């Protein structure tokens, strides 16, 4: 069990700042969805460094990103390993 960054789309879509995508040190971890007008986190890439949380809160002044236990993510996820699907 580990922490993952989660983006609140309602808050994020109001600013359209893209700062978290710029400052995340992990390539392709935080991306931007034109459809949602919001950032989203690729669960398999997040290293729980919390830089995005700091940038969102202190620089963008939005607090749209929180760290959550992976089991508590609102949208869920699917990981496929050797034919087994975990939810």
PDB file of N, CA and C in Angstrom:
ATOM      1  N   UNK A   1       0.854  -1.172   0.000  1.00  0.00           N
ATOM      2  CA  UNK A   1       0.000   0.000   0.000  1.00  0.00           C
ATOM      3  C   UNK A   1       0.903   1.240   0.000  1.00  0.00           C
ATOM      4  N   UNK A   2       0.563   2.226  -0.805  1.00  0.00           N
ATOM      5  CA  UNK A   2       1.361   3.437  -0.874  1.00  0.00           C
ATOM      6  C   UNK A   2       0.507   4.619  -1.301  1.00  0.00           C
ATOM      7  N   UNK A   3       1.096   5.808  -1.145  1.00  0.00           N
ATOM      8  CA  UNK A   3       0.407   7.045  -1.491  1.00  0.00           C
ATOM      9  C   UNK A   3       0.531   7.361  -2.975  1.00  0.00           C
ATOM     10  N   UNK A   4      -0.513   7.978  -3.504  1.00  0.00           N
ATOM     11  CA  UNK A   4      -0.556   8.428  -4.895  1.00  0.00           C
ATOM     12  C   UNK A   4      -1.186   9.826  -4.898  1.00  0.00           C
ATOM     13  N   UNK A   5      -0.723  10.684  -5.787  1.00  0.00           N
ATOM     14  CA  UNK A   5      -1.340  12.001  -5.944  1.00  0.00           C
ATOM     15  C   UNK A   5      -2.681  11.842  -6.656  1.00  0.00           C
ATOM     16  N   UNK A   6      -3.685  12.587  -6.206  1.00  0.00           N
ATOM     17  CA  UNK A   6      -4.989  12.579  -6.870  1.00  0.00           C
ATOM     18  C   UNK A   6      -5.411  14.024  -7.132  1.00  0.00           C
ATOM     19  N   UNK A   7      -5.881  14.273  -8.341  1.00  0.00           N
ATOM     20  CA  UNK A   7      -6.296  15.611  -8.759  1.00  0.00           C
ATOM     21  C   UNK A   7      -7.813  15.747  -8.627  1.00  0.00           C
ATOM     22  N   UNK A   8      -8.253  16.802  -7.973  1.00  0.00           N
ATOM     23  CA  UNK A   8      -9.675  17.134  -7.920  1.00  0.00           C
ATOM     24  C   UNK A   8      -9.987  17.896  -9.206  1.00  0.00           C
ATOM     25  N   UNK A   9     -10.688  17.252 -10.127  1.00  0.00           N
ATOM     26  CA  UNK A   9     -10.938  17.849 -11.449  1.00  0.00           C
ATOM     27  C   UNK A   9     -11.757  19.125 -11.378  1.00  0.00           C
ATOM     28  N   UNK A  10     -12.667  19.210 -10.426  1.00  0.00           N
ATOM     29  CA  UNK A  10     -13.497  20.413 -10.312  1.00  0.00           C
ATOM     30  C   UNK A  10     -12.660  21.644  -9.992  1.00  0.00           C
ATOM     31  N   UNK A  11     -11.715  21.485  -9.069  1.00  0.00           N
ATOM     32  CA  UNK A  11     -10.847  22.611  -8.697  1.00  0.00           C
ATOM     33  C   UNK A  11      -9.829  22.880  -9.797  1.00  0.00           C
ATOM     34  N   UNK A  12      -9.211  21.832 -10.308  1.00  0.00           N
ATOM     35  CA  UNK A  12      -8.156  21.969 -11.317  1.00  0.00           C
ATOM     36  C   UNK A  12      -8.671  22.633 -12.598  1.00  0.00           C
ATOM     37  N   UNK A  13      -9.835  22.256 -13.035  1.00  0.00           N
ATOM     38  CA  UNK A  13     -10.353  22.778 -14.309  1.00  0.00           C
ATOM     39  C   UNK A  13     -10.655  24.268 -14.267  1.00  0.00           C
ATOM     40  N   UNK A  14     -10.742  24.845 -13.078  1.00  0.00           N
ATOM     41  CA  UNK A  14     -11.005  26.281 -12.961  1.00  0.00           C
ATOM     42  C   UNK A  14      -9.784  27.131 -13.271  1.00  0.00           C
ATOM     43  N   UNK A  15      -8.581  26.575 -13.113  1.00  0.00           N
ATOM     44  CA  UNK A  15      -7.383  27.395 -13.280  1.00  0.00           C
ATOM     45  C   UNK A  15      -6.652  27.210 -14.601  1.00  0.00           C
ATOM     46  N   UNK A  16      -6.621  25.967 -15.124  1.00  0.00           N
ATOM     47  CA  UNK A  16      -5.944  25.702 -16.393  1.00  0.00           C
ATOM     48  C   UNK A  16      -4.479  26.146 -16.363  1.00  0.00           C
ATOM     49  N   UNK A  17      -3.804  25.926 -15.214  1.00  0.00           N
ATOM     50  CA  UNK A  17      -2.443  26.452 -15.056  1.00  0.00           C
ATOM     51  C   UNK A  17      -1.341  25.518 -15.568  1.00  0.00           C
ATOM     52  N   UNK A  18      -1.534  24.207 -15.541  1.00  0.00           N
ATOM     53  CA  UNK A  18      -0.556  23.212 -16.002  1.00  0.00           C
ATOM     54  C   UNK A  18       0.741  23.195 -15.191  1.00  0.00           C
ATOM     55  N   UNK A  19       0.790  23.855 -14.039  1.00  0.00           N
ATOM     56  CA  UNK A  19       2.035  23.911 -13.273  1.00  0.00           C
ATOM     57  C   UNK A  19       2.480  22.546 -12.758  1.00  0.00           C
ATOM     58  N   UNK A  20       1.540  21.732 -12.329  1.00  0.00           N
ATOM     59  CA  UNK A  20       1.916  20.401 -11.826  1.00  0.00           C
ATOM     60  C   UNK A  20       2.542  19.561 -12.925  1.00  0.00           C
ATOM     61  N   UNK A  21       2.041  19.672 -14.139  1.00  0.00           N
ATOM     62  CA  UNK A  21       2.609  18.896 -15.244  1.00  0.00           C
ATOM     63  C   UNK A  21       4.020  19.372 -15.576  1.00  0.00           C
ATOM     64  N   UNK A  22       4.281  20.634 -15.353  1.00  0.00           N
ATOM     65  CA  UNK A  22       5.590  21.211 -15.627  1.00  0.00           C
ATOM     66  C   UNK A  22       6.623  20.818 -14.582  1.00  0.00           C
ATOM     67  N   UNK A  23       6.240  20.826 -13.311  1.00  0.00           N
ATOM     68  CA  UNK A  23       7.199  20.614 -12.231  1.00  0.00           C
ATOM     69  C   UNK A  23       7.333  19.174 -11.755  1.00  0.00           C
ATOM     70  N   UNK A  24       6.480  18.286 -12.180  1.00  0.00           N
ATOM     71  CA  UNK A  24       6.594  16.881 -11.772  1.00  0.00           C
ATOM     72  C   UNK A  24       7.911  16.318 -12.320  1.00  0.00           C
ATOM     73  N   UNK A  25       8.759  15.744 -11.449  1.00  0.00           N
ATOM     74  CA  UNK A  25      10.046  15.230 -11.918  1.00  0.00           C
ATOM     75  C   UNK A  25       9.960  13.894 -12.660  1.00  0.00           C
ATOM     76  N   UNK A  26       8.832  13.216 -12.566  1.00  0.00           N
ATOM     77  CA  UNK A  26       8.670  11.913 -13.221  1.00  0.00           C
ATOM     78  C   UNK A  26       8.013  12.107 -14.586  1.00  0.00           C
ATOM     79  N   UNK A  27       8.683  11.702 -15.637  1.00  0.00           N
ATOM     80  CA  UNK A  27       8.162  11.869 -16.998  1.00  0.00           C
ATOM     81  C   UNK A  27       6.811  11.176 -17.166  1.00  0.00           C
ATOM     82  N   UNK A  28       5.887  11.863 -17.796  1.00  0.00           N
ATOM     83  CA  UNK A  28       4.558  11.333 -18.113  1.00  0.00           C
ATOM     84  C   UNK A  28       3.768  10.864 -16.896  1.00  0.00           C
ATOM     85  N   UNK A  29       4.023  11.452 -15.748  1.00  0.00           N
ATOM     86  CA  UNK A  29       3.289  11.082 -14.543  1.00  0.00           C
ATOM     87  C   UNK A  29       2.015  11.915 -14.413  1.00  0.00           C
ATOM     88  N   UNK A  30       2.154  13.214 -14.538  1.00  0.00           N
ATOM     89  CA  UNK A  30       0.986  14.094 -14.497  1.00  0.00           C
ATOM     90  C   UNK A  30       0.800  14.662 -15.897  1.00  0.00           C
ATOM     91  N   UNK A  31      -0.359  14.421 -16.452  1.00  0.00           N
ATOM     92  CA  UNK A  31      -0.669  14.868 -17.803  1.00  0.00           C
ATOM     93  C   UNK A  31      -1.911  15.742 -17.767  1.00  0.00           C
ATOM     94  N   UNK A  32      -2.244  16.332 -18.887  1.00  0.00           N
ATOM     95  CA  UNK A  32      -3.387  17.228 -18.971  1.00  0.00           C
ATOM     96  C   UNK A  32      -4.403  16.667 -19.953  1.00  0.00           C
ATOM     97  N   UNK A  33      -5.657  16.636 -19.536  1.00  0.00           N
ATOM     98  CA  UNK A  33      -6.738  16.153 -20.385  1.00  0.00           C
ATOM     99  C   UNK A  33      -7.499  17.339 -20.957  1.00  0.00           C
ATOM    100  N   UNK A  34      -7.463  17.491 -22.251  1.00  0.00           N
ATOM    101  CA  UNK A  34      -8.230  18.564 -22.904  1.00  0.00           C
ATOM    102  C   UNK A  34      -9.730  18.342 -22.723  1.00  0.00           C
ATOM    103  N   UNK A  35     -10.148  17.099 -22.692  1.00  0.00           N
ATOM    104  CA  UNK A  35     -11.577  16.785 -22.534  1.00  0.00           C
ATOM    105  C   UNK A  35     -12.102  17.251 -21.179  1.00  0.00           C
ATOM    106  N   UNK A  36     -11.310  17.023 -20.119  1.00  0.00           N
ATOM    107  CA  UNK A  36     -11.727  17.411 -18.766  1.00  0.00           C
ATOM    108  C   UNK A  36     -11.242  18.798 -18.369  1.00  0.00           C
ATOM    109  N   UNK A  37     -10.324  19.355 -19.151  1.00  0.00           N
ATOM    110  CA  UNK A  37      -9.680  20.633 -18.803  1.00  0.00           C
ATOM    111  C   UNK A  37      -9.033  20.539 -17.426  1.00  0.00           C
ATOM    112  N   UNK A  38      -8.411  19.377 -17.170  1.00  0.00           N
ATOM    113  CA  UNK A  38      -7.833  19.105 -15.858  1.00  0.00           C
ATOM    114  C   UNK A  38      -6.617  18.198 -16.002  1.00  0.00           C
ATOM    115  N   UNK A  39      -5.741  18.289 -15.015  1.00  0.00           N
ATOM    116  CA  UNK A  39      -4.610  17.369 -14.941  1.00  0.00           C
ATOM    117  C   UNK A  39      -5.093  16.023 -14.421  1.00  0.00           C
ATOM    118  N   UNK A  40      -4.326  14.977 -14.706  1.00  0.00           N
ATOM    119  CA  UNK A  40      -4.597  13.666 -14.144  1.00  0.00           C
ATOM    120  C   UNK A  40      -3.267  12.956 -13.898  1.00  0.00           C
ATOM    121  N   UNK A  41      -3.274  12.026 -12.969  1.00  0.00           N
ATOM    122  CA  UNK A  41      -2.054  11.334 -12.563  1.00  0.00           C
ATOM    123  C   UNK A  41      -2.059   9.909 -13.103  1.00  0.00           C
ATOM    124  N   UNK A  42      -0.959   9.516 -13.714  1.00  0.00           N
ATOM    125  CA  UNK A  42      -0.784   8.131 -14.135  1.00  0.00           C
ATOM    126  C   UNK A  42      -0.307   7.351 -12.909  1.00  0.00           C
ATOM    127  N   UNK A  43      -1.176   6.541 -12.369  1.00  0.00           N
ATOM    128  CA  UNK A  43      -0.936   5.854 -11.101  1.00  0.00           C
ATOM    129  C   UNK A  43       0.366   5.057 -11.115  1.00  0.00           C
ATOM    130  N   UNK A  44       0.669   4.416 -12.205  1.00  0.00           N
ATOM    131  CA  UNK A  44       1.865   3.586 -12.276  1.00  0.00           C
ATOM    132  C   UNK A  44       3.157   4.389 -12.348  1.00  0.00           C
ATOM    133  N   UNK A  45       3.081   5.700 -12.524  1.00  0.00           N
ATOM    134  CA  UNK A  45       4.283   6.535 -12.622  1.00  0.00           C
ATOM    135  C   UNK A  45       4.541   7.366 -11.367  1.00  0.00           C
ATOM    136  N   UNK A  46       3.519   7.601 -10.561  1.00  0.00           N
ATOM    137  CA  UNK A  46       3.634   8.476  -9.393  1.00  0.00           C
ATOM    138  C   UNK A  46       4.546   7.861  -8.339  1.00  0.00           C
ATOM    139  N   UNK A  47       5.518   8.658  -7.882  1.00  0.00           N
ATOM    140  CA  UNK A  47       6.472   8.217  -6.862  1.00  0.00           C
ATOM    141  C   UNK A  47       6.170   8.823  -5.495  1.00  0.00           C
ATOM    142  N   UNK A  48       5.043   9.513  -5.364  1.00  0.00           N
ATOM    143  CA  UNK A  48       4.600  10.110  -4.101  1.00  0.00           C
ATOM    144  C   UNK A  48       5.588  11.134  -3.543  1.00  0.00           C
ATOM    145  N   UNK A  49       6.228  11.878  -4.414  1.00  0.00           N
ATOM    146  CA  UNK A  49       7.197  12.879  -3.960  1.00  0.00           C
ATOM    147  C   UNK A  49       6.523  14.136  -3.394  1.00  0.00           C
ATOM    148  N   UNK A  50       5.278  14.348  -3.726  1.00  0.00           N
ATOM    149  CA  UNK A  50       4.447  15.450  -3.245  1.00  0.00           C
ATOM    150  C   UNK A  50       4.848  16.826  -3.785  1.00  0.00           C
ATOM    151  N   UNK A  51       5.686  16.876  -4.794  1.00  0.00           N
ATOM    152  CA  UNK A  51       6.041  18.160  -5.393  1.00  0.00           C
ATOM    153  C   UNK A  51       4.808  18.805  -6.019  1.00  0.00           C
ATOM    154  N   UNK A  52       3.961  18.013  -6.642  1.00  0.00           N
ATOM    155  CA  UNK A  52       2.746  18.545  -7.260  1.00  0.00           C
ATOM    156  C   UNK A  52       1.805  19.149  -6.217  1.00  0.00           C
ATOM    157  N   UNK A  53       1.742  18.531  -5.042  1.00  0.00           N
ATOM    158  CA  UNK A  53       0.895  19.057  -3.958  1.00  0.00           C
ATOM    159  C   UNK A  53       1.397  20.435  -3.555  1.00  0.00           C
ATOM    160  N   UNK A  54       2.704  20.563  -3.375  1.00  0.00           N
ATOM    161  CA  UNK A  54       3.302  21.850  -3.010  1.00  0.00           C
ATOM    162  C   UNK A  54       3.061  22.907  -4.099  1.00  0.00           C
ATOM    163  N   UNK A  55       3.317  22.565  -5.338  1.00  0.00           N
ATOM    164  CA  UNK A  55       3.151  23.509  -6.451  1.00  0.00           C
ATOM    165  C   UNK A  55       1.701  23.972  -6.540  1.00  0.00           C
ATOM    166  N   UNK A  56       0.768  23.049  -6.434  1.00  0.00           N
ATOM    167  CA  UNK A  56      -0.647  23.394  -6.546  1.00  0.00           C
ATOM    168  C   UNK A  56      -1.088  24.293  -5.388  1.00  0.00           C
ATOM    169  N   UNK A  57      -0.644  23.954  -4.185  1.00  0.00           N
ATOM    170  CA  UNK A  57      -1.072  24.708  -3.011  1.00  0.00           C
ATOM    171  C   UNK A  57      -0.354  26.050  -2.881  1.00  0.00           C
ATOM    172  N   UNK A  58       0.961  26.051  -2.993  1.00  0.00           N
ATOM    173  CA  UNK A  58       1.749  27.251  -2.697  1.00  0.00           C
ATOM    174  C   UNK A  58       1.966  28.179  -3.891  1.00  0.00           C
ATOM    175  N   UNK A  59       2.047  27.629  -5.085  1.00  0.00           N
ATOM    176  CA  UNK A  59       2.304  28.463  -6.263  1.00  0.00           C
ATOM    177  C   UNK A  59       0.998  28.801  -6.983  1.00  0.00           C
ATOM    178  N   UNK A  60       0.200  27.787  -7.297  1.00  0.00           N
ATOM    179  CA  UNK A  60      -1.058  28.016  -8.014  1.00  0.00           C
ATOM    180  C   UNK A  60      -2.175  28.483  -7.085  1.00  0.00           C
ATOM    181  N   UNK A  61      -2.011  28.254  -5.780  1.00  0.00           N
ATOM    182  CA  UNK A  61      -3.005  28.646  -4.759  1.00  0.00           C
ATOM    183  C   UNK A  61      -4.355  27.976  -4.994  1.00  0.00           C
ATOM    184  N   UNK A  62      -4.330  26.696  -5.363  1.00  0.00           N
ATOM    185  CA  UNK A  62      -5.575  25.987  -5.699  1.00  0.00           C
ATOM    186  C   UNK A  62      -5.908  24.815  -4.776  1.00  0.00           C
ATOM    187  N   UNK A  63      -4.930  24.087  -4.279  1.00  0.00           N
ATOM    188  CA  UNK A  63      -5.154  22.894  -3.458  1.00  0.00           C
ATOM    189  C   UNK A  63      -6.019  21.846  -4.168  1.00  0.00           C
ATOM    190  N   UNK A  64      -5.732  21.616  -5.429  1.00  0.00           N
ATOM    191  CA  UNK A  64      -6.484  20.636  -6.219  1.00  0.00           C
ATOM    192  C   UNK A  64      -5.868  19.247  -6.162  1.00  0.00           C
ATOM    193  N   UNK A  65      -4.684  19.117  -5.568  1.00  0.00           N
ATOM    194  CA  UNK A  65      -4.009  17.822  -5.523  1.00  0.00           C
ATOM    195  C   UNK A  65      -3.788  17.411  -4.076  1.00  0.00           C
ATOM    196  N   UNK A  66      -4.143  16.174  -3.792  1.00  0.00           N
ATOM    197  CA  UNK A  66      -3.936  15.595  -2.467  1.00  0.00           C
ATOM    198  C   UNK A  66      -3.266  14.243  -2.624  1.00  0.00           C
ATOM    199  N   UNK A  67      -2.575  13.833  -1.575  1.00  0.00           N
ATOM    200  CA  UNK A  67      -2.020  12.491  -1.539  1.00  0.00           C
ATOM    201  C   UNK A  67      -3.056  11.583  -0.884  1.00  0.00           C
ATOM    202  N   UNK A  68      -3.271  10.421  -1.494  1.00  0.00           N
ATOM    203  CA  UNK A  68      -4.228   9.454  -0.952  1.00  0.00           C
ATOM    204  C   UNK A  68      -3.627   8.060  -1.027  1.00  0.00           C
ATOM    205  N   UNK A  69      -4.104   7.184  -0.147  1.00  0.00           N
ATOM    206  CA  UNK A  69      -3.741   5.788  -0.264  1.00  0.00           C
ATOM    207  C   UNK A  69      -4.270   5.290  -1.592  1.00  0.00           C
ATOM    208  N   UNK A  70      -3.535   4.452  -2.245  1.00  0.00           N
ATOM    209  CA  UNK A  70      -3.915   3.977  -3.571  1.00  0.00           C
ATOM    210  C   UNK A  70      -5.287   3.293  -3.557  1.00  0.00           C
ATOM    211  N   UNK A  71      -5.622   2.624  -2.474  1.00  0.00           N
ATOM    212  CA  UNK A  71      -6.928   1.962  -2.377  1.00  0.00           C
ATOM    213  C   UNK A  71      -8.084   2.944  -2.227  1.00  0.00           C
ATOM    214  N   UNK A  72      -7.791   4.195  -1.873  1.00  0.00           N
ATOM    215  CA  UNK A  72      -8.835   5.194  -1.641  1.00  0.00           C
ATOM    216  C   UNK A  72      -9.055   6.148  -2.807  1.00  0.00           C
ATOM    217  N   UNK A  73      -8.404   5.911  -3.946  1.00  0.00           N
ATOM    218  CA  UNK A  73      -8.580   6.783  -5.098  1.00  0.00           C
ATOM    219  C   UNK A  73     -10.028   6.724  -5.568  1.00  0.00           C
ATOM    220  N   UNK A  74     -10.602   7.887  -5.862  1.00  0.00           N
ATOM    221  CA  UNK A  74     -12.013   7.958  -6.219  1.00  0.00           C
ATOM    222  C   UNK A  74     -12.337   7.298  -7.548  1.00  0.00           C
ATOM    223  N   UNK A  75     -11.496   7.480  -8.547  1.00  0.00           N
ATOM    224  CA  UNK A  75     -11.802   6.948  -9.872  1.00  0.00           C
ATOM    225  C   UNK A  75     -11.321   5.515 -10.054  1.00  0.00           C
ATOM    226  N   UNK A  76     -10.536   5.024  -9.131  1.00  0.00           N
ATOM    227  CA  UNK A  76     -10.045   3.664  -9.235  1.00  0.00           C
ATOM    228  C   UNK A  76      -9.033   3.507 -10.353  1.00  0.00           C
ATOM    229  N   UNK A  77      -8.600   2.280 -10.543  1.00  0.00           N
ATOM    230  CA  UNK A  77      -7.602   1.986 -11.562  1.00  0.00           C
ATOM    231  C   UNK A  77      -7.568   0.483 -11.784  1.00  0.00           C
ATOM    232  N   UNK A  78      -6.923   0.091 -12.844  1.00  0.00           N
ATOM    233  CA  UNK A  78      -6.761  -1.331 -13.136  1.00  0.00           C
ATOM    234  C   UNK A  78      -5.291  -1.567 -13.461  1.00  0.00           C
ATOM    235  N   UNK A  79      -4.690  -2.547 -12.787  1.00  0.00           N
ATOM    236  CA  UNK A  79      -3.309  -2.933 -13.068  1.00  0.00           C
ATOM    237  C   UNK A  79      -3.342  -4.372 -13.551  1.00  0.00           C
ATOM    238  N   UNK A  80      -2.726  -4.645 -14.692  1.00  0.00           N
ATOM    239  CA  UNK A  80      -2.696  -6.005 -15.221  1.00  0.00           C
ATOM    240  C   UNK A  80      -1.287  -6.563 -15.053  1.00  0.00           C
ATOM    241  N   UNK A  81      -1.214  -7.679 -14.354  1.00  0.00           N
ATOM    242  CA  UNK A  81       0.060  -8.371 -14.175  1.00  0.00           C
ATOM    243  C   UNK A  81      -0.190  -9.859 -14.375  1.00  0.00           C
ATOM    244  N   UNK A  82       0.524 -10.441 -15.252  1.00  0.00           N
ATOM    245  CA  UNK A  82       0.443 -11.880 -15.515  1.00  0.00           C
ATOM    246  C   UNK A  82      -0.998 -12.388 -15.575  1.00  0.00           C
ATOM    247  N   UNK A  83      -1.832 -11.640 -16.253  1.00  0.00           N
ATOM    248  CA  UNK A  83      -3.200 -12.077 -16.455  1.00  0.00           C
ATOM    249  C   UNK A  83      -4.148 -11.795 -15.309  1.00  0.00           C
ATOM    250  N   UNK A  84      -3.678 -11.237 -14.190  1.00  0.00           N
ATOM    251  CA  UNK A  84      -4.534 -10.953 -13.042  1.00  0.00           C
ATOM    252  C   UNK A  84      -4.887  -9.470 -13.056  1.00  0.00           C
ATOM    253  N   UNK A  85      -6.158  -9.175 -12.866  1.00  0.00           N
ATOM    254  CA  UNK A  85      -6.606  -7.788 -12.832  1.00  0.00           C
ATOM    255  C   UNK A  85      -6.917  -7.430 -11.381  1.00  0.00           C
ATOM    256  N   UNK A  86      -6.215  -6.415 -10.850  1.00  0.00           N
ATOM    257  CA  UNK A  86      -6.450  -5.936  -9.489  1.00  0.00           C
ATOM    258  C   UNK A  86      -7.296  -4.684  -9.542  1.00  0.00           C
ATOM    259  N   UNK A  87      -8.222  -4.547  -8.643  1.00  0.00           N
ATOM    260  CA  UNK A  87      -9.057  -3.329  -8.593  1.00  0.00           C
ATOM    261  C   UNK A  87      -8.992  -2.721  -7.233  1.00  0.00           C
TER     262      UNK A  87
END
